[in-house]
Amino acid sequence: MEPQRRVDIEFGISYGDSIEAARAAIQTVIDSDDRILDGGEFNPNIFVSAHADSSINMLTRVWVNSEDYWPVYFGLFEQVKYAFDKAGITIPFPQRDVHLFQQS
C-alpha cells in the first residue's frame, strides 16, 4: 500500500570478527545497489542488535520503493555473503554442547 518499504535484515558475524569491518562490508553492498533509497528519512542504518549465543548480530535497515522490496531483500543476503567472504568475515553456525552419557 505504501510507496516505500523498509527492509530489515539481521546478519550474524563471529565474535572474533571486527564489527567495523562487517559494517563497512554491509555499507559497501548498500552503496552499490541503486534500488536502495538514501537521504532524509530514508538513510540506511546498520546496528549491533544482539550478542547472541553464537554470533554478534547486526541489524541492517534500508528503504526501497515497494516494487523493489523482495529483489533487494534476497539480493542483500547474497551480496553481503560475498562481501563478508571477501573481507574474511565469518558467518557463524550455532554452537551446541553435546553431552554423551554412558549407561552402566
N, C-alpha and C. Protein backbone atom coordinates (compact mmCIF):
# COMPACT_ATOMS: atom_id res chain seq x y z
N MET A 1 0.81 -1.20 0.00
CA MET A 1 0.00 0.00 0.00
C MET A 1 0.86 1.27 0.00
N GLU A 2 1.99 1.22 0.69
CA GLU A 2 2.86 2.39 0.77
C GLU A 2 3.82 2.42 -0.41
N PRO A 3 4.24 3.60 -0.85
CA PRO A 3 5.17 3.67 -1.99
C PRO A 3 6.58 3.20 -1.65
N GLN A 4 6.96 3.31 -0.36
CA GLN A 4 8.28 2.84 0.07
C GLN A 4 8.11 1.87 1.25
N ARG A 5 9.04 0.94 1.34
CA ARG A 5 9.03 -0.02 2.44
C ARG A 5 10.43 -0.14 3.01
N ARG A 6 10.51 -0.50 4.28
CA ARG A 6 11.79 -0.71 4.92
C ARG A 6 12.11 -2.21 4.92
N VAL A 7 13.33 -2.52 4.52
CA VAL A 7 13.84 -3.89 4.56
C VAL A 7 14.70 -4.01 5.81
N ASP A 8 14.35 -4.95 6.69
CA ASP A 8 15.12 -5.21 7.91
C ASP A 8 15.72 -6.61 7.80
N ILE A 9 17.04 -6.70 7.89
CA ILE A 9 17.72 -7.99 7.85
C ILE A 9 18.79 -8.00 8.92
N GLU A 10 18.91 -9.12 9.61
CA GLU A 10 19.93 -9.28 10.63
C GLU A 10 21.00 -10.24 10.10
N PHE A 11 22.25 -9.80 10.15
CA PHE A 11 23.38 -10.61 9.74
C PHE A 11 24.20 -10.95 10.97
N GLY A 12 24.58 -12.21 11.12
CA GLY A 12 25.41 -12.63 12.24
C GLY A 12 26.86 -12.73 11.83
N ILE A 13 27.75 -12.25 12.71
CA ILE A 13 29.19 -12.40 12.49
C ILE A 13 29.79 -13.09 13.72
N SER A 14 30.93 -13.69 13.53
CA SER A 14 31.60 -14.36 14.65
C SER A 14 32.07 -13.35 15.67
N TYR A 15 32.15 -13.77 16.92
CA TYR A 15 32.64 -12.91 17.98
C TYR A 15 34.06 -12.44 17.73
N GLY A 16 34.85 -13.22 17.01
CA GLY A 16 36.23 -12.84 16.73
C GLY A 16 36.40 -11.88 15.57
N ASP A 17 35.33 -11.59 14.85
CA ASP A 17 35.41 -10.69 13.70
C ASP A 17 35.22 -9.24 14.12
N SER A 18 35.69 -8.35 13.28
CA SER A 18 35.61 -6.91 13.54
C SER A 18 34.23 -6.37 13.17
N ILE A 19 33.60 -5.73 14.14
CA ILE A 19 32.31 -5.08 13.88
C ILE A 19 32.47 -4.00 12.82
N GLU A 20 33.55 -3.24 12.90
CA GLU A 20 33.78 -2.16 11.94
C GLU A 20 33.95 -2.71 10.52
N ALA A 21 34.68 -3.82 10.37
CA ALA A 21 34.88 -4.42 9.05
C ALA A 21 33.56 -4.97 8.51
N ALA A 22 32.76 -5.57 9.37
CA ALA A 22 31.46 -6.09 8.93
C ALA A 22 30.54 -4.94 8.52
N ARG A 23 30.53 -3.88 9.32
CA ARG A 23 29.70 -2.71 8.98
C ARG A 23 30.14 -2.12 7.64
N ALA A 24 31.45 -2.03 7.42
CA ALA A 24 31.96 -1.49 6.15
C ALA A 24 31.57 -2.38 4.97
N ALA A 25 31.62 -3.70 5.17
CA ALA A 25 31.23 -4.63 4.09
C ALA A 25 29.76 -4.49 3.76
N ILE A 26 28.92 -4.40 4.77
CA ILE A 26 27.48 -4.21 4.54
C ILE A 26 27.23 -2.87 3.85
N GLN A 27 27.90 -1.82 4.33
CA GLN A 27 27.71 -0.49 3.74
C GLN A 27 28.11 -0.47 2.27
N THR A 28 29.18 -1.18 1.92
CA THR A 28 29.61 -1.26 0.52
C THR A 28 28.52 -1.87 -0.35
N VAL A 29 27.89 -2.92 0.16
CA VAL A 29 26.79 -3.56 -0.58
C VAL A 29 25.63 -2.58 -0.74
N ILE A 30 25.28 -1.89 0.34
CA ILE A 30 24.19 -0.91 0.28
C ILE A 30 24.49 0.17 -0.74
N ASP A 31 25.71 0.69 -0.69
CA ASP A 31 26.10 1.78 -1.59
C ASP A 31 26.10 1.37 -3.06
N SER A 32 26.27 0.08 -3.32
CA SER A 32 26.35 -0.38 -4.71
C SER A 32 25.00 -0.74 -5.32
N ASP A 33 23.94 -0.69 -4.52
CA ASP A 33 22.60 -1.06 -5.02
C ASP A 33 21.77 0.20 -5.22
N ASP A 34 21.55 0.55 -6.47
CA ASP A 34 20.80 1.77 -6.81
C ASP A 34 19.33 1.72 -6.40
N ARG A 35 18.82 0.54 -6.10
CA ARG A 35 17.41 0.42 -5.70
C ARG A 35 17.20 0.87 -4.25
N ILE A 36 18.28 0.92 -3.47
CA ILE A 36 18.18 1.33 -2.07
C ILE A 36 18.16 2.85 -2.00
N LEU A 37 17.16 3.37 -1.31
CA LEU A 37 16.99 4.82 -1.19
C LEU A 37 17.95 5.36 -0.15
N ASP A 38 18.35 6.60 -0.33
CA ASP A 38 19.29 7.22 0.59
C ASP A 38 18.97 8.70 0.70
N GLY A 39 19.01 9.21 1.90
CA GLY A 39 18.78 10.63 2.11
C GLY A 39 17.54 10.89 2.94
N GLY A 40 17.63 11.89 3.79
CA GLY A 40 16.49 12.27 4.63
C GLY A 40 16.03 11.12 5.51
N GLU A 41 14.75 10.88 5.47
CA GLU A 41 14.17 9.81 6.29
C GLU A 41 14.53 8.41 5.80
N PHE A 42 15.15 8.31 4.64
CA PHE A 42 15.47 7.01 4.05
C PHE A 42 16.93 6.59 4.24
N ASN A 43 17.63 7.20 5.17
CA ASN A 43 19.03 6.82 5.40
C ASN A 43 19.13 5.37 5.88
N PRO A 44 20.01 4.59 5.28
CA PRO A 44 20.24 3.23 5.76
C PRO A 44 20.89 3.24 7.14
N ASN A 45 20.63 2.19 7.91
CA ASN A 45 21.20 2.05 9.25
C ASN A 45 21.76 0.65 9.42
N ILE A 46 22.87 0.55 10.13
CA ILE A 46 23.49 -0.73 10.48
C ILE A 46 23.81 -0.66 11.97
N PHE A 47 23.17 -1.51 12.77
CA PHE A 47 23.34 -1.50 14.22
C PHE A 47 23.82 -2.87 14.70
N VAL A 48 24.56 -2.89 15.80
CA VAL A 48 24.75 -4.14 16.53
C VAL A 48 23.45 -4.34 17.31
N SER A 49 22.76 -5.43 17.02
CA SER A 49 21.43 -5.63 17.61
C SER A 49 21.39 -6.69 18.70
N ALA A 50 22.42 -7.56 18.77
CA ALA A 50 22.39 -8.58 19.82
C ALA A 50 23.76 -9.24 19.97
N HIS A 51 24.03 -9.64 21.19
CA HIS A 51 25.14 -10.55 21.49
C HIS A 51 24.47 -11.91 21.67
N ALA A 52 24.35 -12.64 20.59
CA ALA A 52 23.63 -13.92 20.62
C ALA A 52 24.55 -15.05 21.08
N ASP A 53 24.01 -16.24 21.18
CA ASP A 53 24.77 -17.39 21.66
C ASP A 53 26.00 -17.67 20.80
N SER A 54 25.85 -17.56 19.49
CA SER A 54 26.95 -17.93 18.58
C SER A 54 27.44 -16.78 17.71
N SER A 55 26.84 -15.60 17.86
CA SER A 55 27.18 -14.52 16.93
C SER A 55 26.92 -13.15 17.53
N ILE A 56 27.56 -12.16 16.92
CA ILE A 56 27.17 -10.76 17.10
C ILE A 56 26.22 -10.48 15.94
N ASN A 57 25.02 -10.04 16.25
CA ASN A 57 24.03 -9.79 15.20
C ASN A 57 24.01 -8.31 14.84
N MET A 58 23.97 -8.07 13.54
CA MET A 58 23.96 -6.71 13.03
C MET A 58 22.68 -6.49 12.23
N LEU A 59 21.83 -5.62 12.75
CA LEU A 59 20.57 -5.31 12.09
C LEU A 59 20.82 -4.26 11.02
N THR A 60 20.40 -4.56 9.81
CA THR A 60 20.55 -3.66 8.68
C THR A 60 19.15 -3.22 8.24
N ARG A 61 18.95 -1.91 8.15
CA ARG A 61 17.66 -1.34 7.74
C ARG A 61 17.89 -0.42 6.55
N VAL A 62 17.22 -0.73 5.45
CA VAL A 62 17.28 0.12 4.27
C VAL A 62 15.86 0.34 3.75
N TRP A 63 15.69 1.42 3.03
CA TRP A 63 14.40 1.76 2.43
C TRP A 63 14.47 1.56 0.93
N VAL A 64 13.37 1.05 0.38
CA VAL A 64 13.28 0.80 -1.06
C VAL A 64 11.89 1.19 -1.53
N ASN A 65 11.75 1.38 -2.83
CA ASN A 65 10.41 1.50 -3.41
C ASN A 65 9.75 0.14 -3.27
N SER A 66 8.44 0.12 -3.02
CA SER A 66 7.74 -1.12 -2.71
C SER A 66 7.96 -2.22 -3.74
N GLU A 67 8.03 -1.89 -5.01
CA GLU A 67 8.22 -2.92 -6.03
C GLU A 67 9.61 -3.55 -5.98
N ASP A 68 10.54 -2.91 -5.29
CA ASP A 68 11.90 -3.45 -5.17
C ASP A 68 12.13 -4.22 -3.88
N TYR A 69 11.12 -4.35 -3.04
CA TYR A 69 11.30 -4.95 -1.72
C TYR A 69 11.92 -6.35 -1.80
N TRP A 70 11.28 -7.28 -2.47
CA TRP A 70 11.77 -8.66 -2.49
C TRP A 70 13.09 -8.81 -3.23
N PRO A 71 13.28 -8.18 -4.38
CA PRO A 71 14.60 -8.30 -5.02
C PRO A 71 15.74 -7.77 -4.14
N VAL A 72 15.51 -6.68 -3.43
CA VAL A 72 16.55 -6.14 -2.54
C VAL A 72 16.72 -7.05 -1.32
N TYR A 73 15.62 -7.51 -0.76
CA TYR A 73 15.67 -8.39 0.41
C TYR A 73 16.55 -9.61 0.12
N PHE A 74 16.24 -10.34 -0.94
CA PHE A 74 17.02 -11.54 -1.25
C PHE A 74 18.41 -11.19 -1.77
N GLY A 75 18.53 -10.11 -2.51
CA GLY A 75 19.83 -9.69 -3.03
C GLY A 75 20.80 -9.31 -1.93
N LEU A 76 20.31 -8.67 -0.86
CA LEU A 76 21.20 -8.30 0.25
C LEU A 76 21.81 -9.53 0.90
N PHE A 77 21.01 -10.59 1.10
CA PHE A 77 21.57 -11.80 1.70
C PHE A 77 22.73 -12.33 0.86
N GLU A 78 22.54 -12.40 -0.43
CA GLU A 78 23.58 -12.94 -1.31
C GLU A 78 24.80 -12.02 -1.37
N GLN A 79 24.56 -10.74 -1.59
CA GLN A 79 25.67 -9.81 -1.76
C GLN A 79 26.47 -9.61 -0.47
N VAL A 80 25.79 -9.61 0.67
CA VAL A 80 26.51 -9.48 1.94
C VAL A 80 27.36 -10.72 2.19
N LYS A 81 26.88 -11.89 1.84
CA LYS A 81 27.69 -13.11 1.98
C LYS A 81 28.97 -12.98 1.16
N TYR A 82 28.85 -12.52 -0.09
CA TYR A 82 30.04 -12.32 -0.93
C TYR A 82 30.98 -11.29 -0.30
N ALA A 83 30.42 -10.20 0.21
CA ALA A 83 31.23 -9.13 0.81
C ALA A 83 31.92 -9.63 2.08
N PHE A 84 31.22 -10.42 2.88
CA PHE A 84 31.84 -10.99 4.09
C PHE A 84 32.97 -11.94 3.70
N ASP A 85 32.75 -12.77 2.70
CA ASP A 85 33.80 -13.68 2.25
C ASP A 85 35.04 -12.90 1.83
N LYS A 86 34.84 -11.85 1.06
CA LYS A 86 35.95 -11.03 0.56
C LYS A 86 36.70 -10.36 1.72
N ALA A 87 35.98 -9.97 2.76
CA ALA A 87 36.58 -9.28 3.90
C ALA A 87 37.09 -10.25 4.97
N GLY A 88 36.89 -11.55 4.76
CA GLY A 88 37.33 -12.53 5.74
C GLY A 88 36.47 -12.59 6.99
N ILE A 89 35.22 -12.18 6.86
CA ILE A 89 34.29 -12.19 8.00
C ILE A 89 33.52 -13.51 7.97
N THR A 90 33.44 -14.14 9.13
CA THR A 90 32.81 -15.44 9.25
C THR A 90 31.35 -15.31 9.65
N ILE A 91 30.48 -16.02 8.94
CA ILE A 91 29.09 -16.14 9.37
C ILE A 91 29.02 -17.43 10.19
N PRO A 92 28.82 -17.31 11.51
CA PRO A 92 28.90 -18.48 12.37
C PRO A 92 27.67 -19.38 12.25
N PHE A 93 27.85 -20.60 12.67
CA PHE A 93 26.73 -21.51 12.80
C PHE A 93 26.53 -21.76 14.28
N PRO A 94 25.33 -22.17 14.67
CA PRO A 94 25.07 -22.37 16.10
C PRO A 94 26.04 -23.36 16.74
N GLN A 95 26.51 -23.01 17.92
CA GLN A 95 27.40 -23.88 18.68
C GLN A 95 26.56 -24.61 19.73
N ARG A 96 26.71 -25.89 19.76
CA ARG A 96 25.97 -26.69 20.73
C ARG A 96 26.94 -27.58 21.51
N ASP A 97 26.69 -27.72 22.79
CA ASP A 97 27.44 -28.67 23.60
C ASP A 97 26.67 -29.97 23.59
N VAL A 98 27.35 -31.03 23.27
CA VAL A 98 26.71 -32.35 23.27
C VAL A 98 27.35 -33.16 24.39
N HIS A 99 26.52 -33.64 25.25
CA HIS A 99 26.99 -34.45 26.36
C HIS A 99 26.51 -35.88 26.13
N LEU A 100 27.45 -36.78 26.04
CA LEU A 100 27.10 -38.19 25.86
C LEU A 100 27.19 -38.89 27.20
N PHE A 101 26.19 -39.62 27.52
CA PHE A 101 26.14 -40.34 28.77
C PHE A 101 26.29 -41.82 28.50
N GLN A 102 27.12 -42.46 29.28
CA GLN A 102 27.29 -43.90 29.17
C GLN A 102 26.38 -44.60 30.16
N GLN A 103 25.78 -45.66 29.67
CA GLN A 103 24.98 -46.46 30.59
C GLN A 103 25.90 -47.43 31.30
N SER A 104 25.63 -47.64 32.55
CA SER A 104 26.45 -48.60 33.29
C SER A 104 25.69 -49.86 33.60
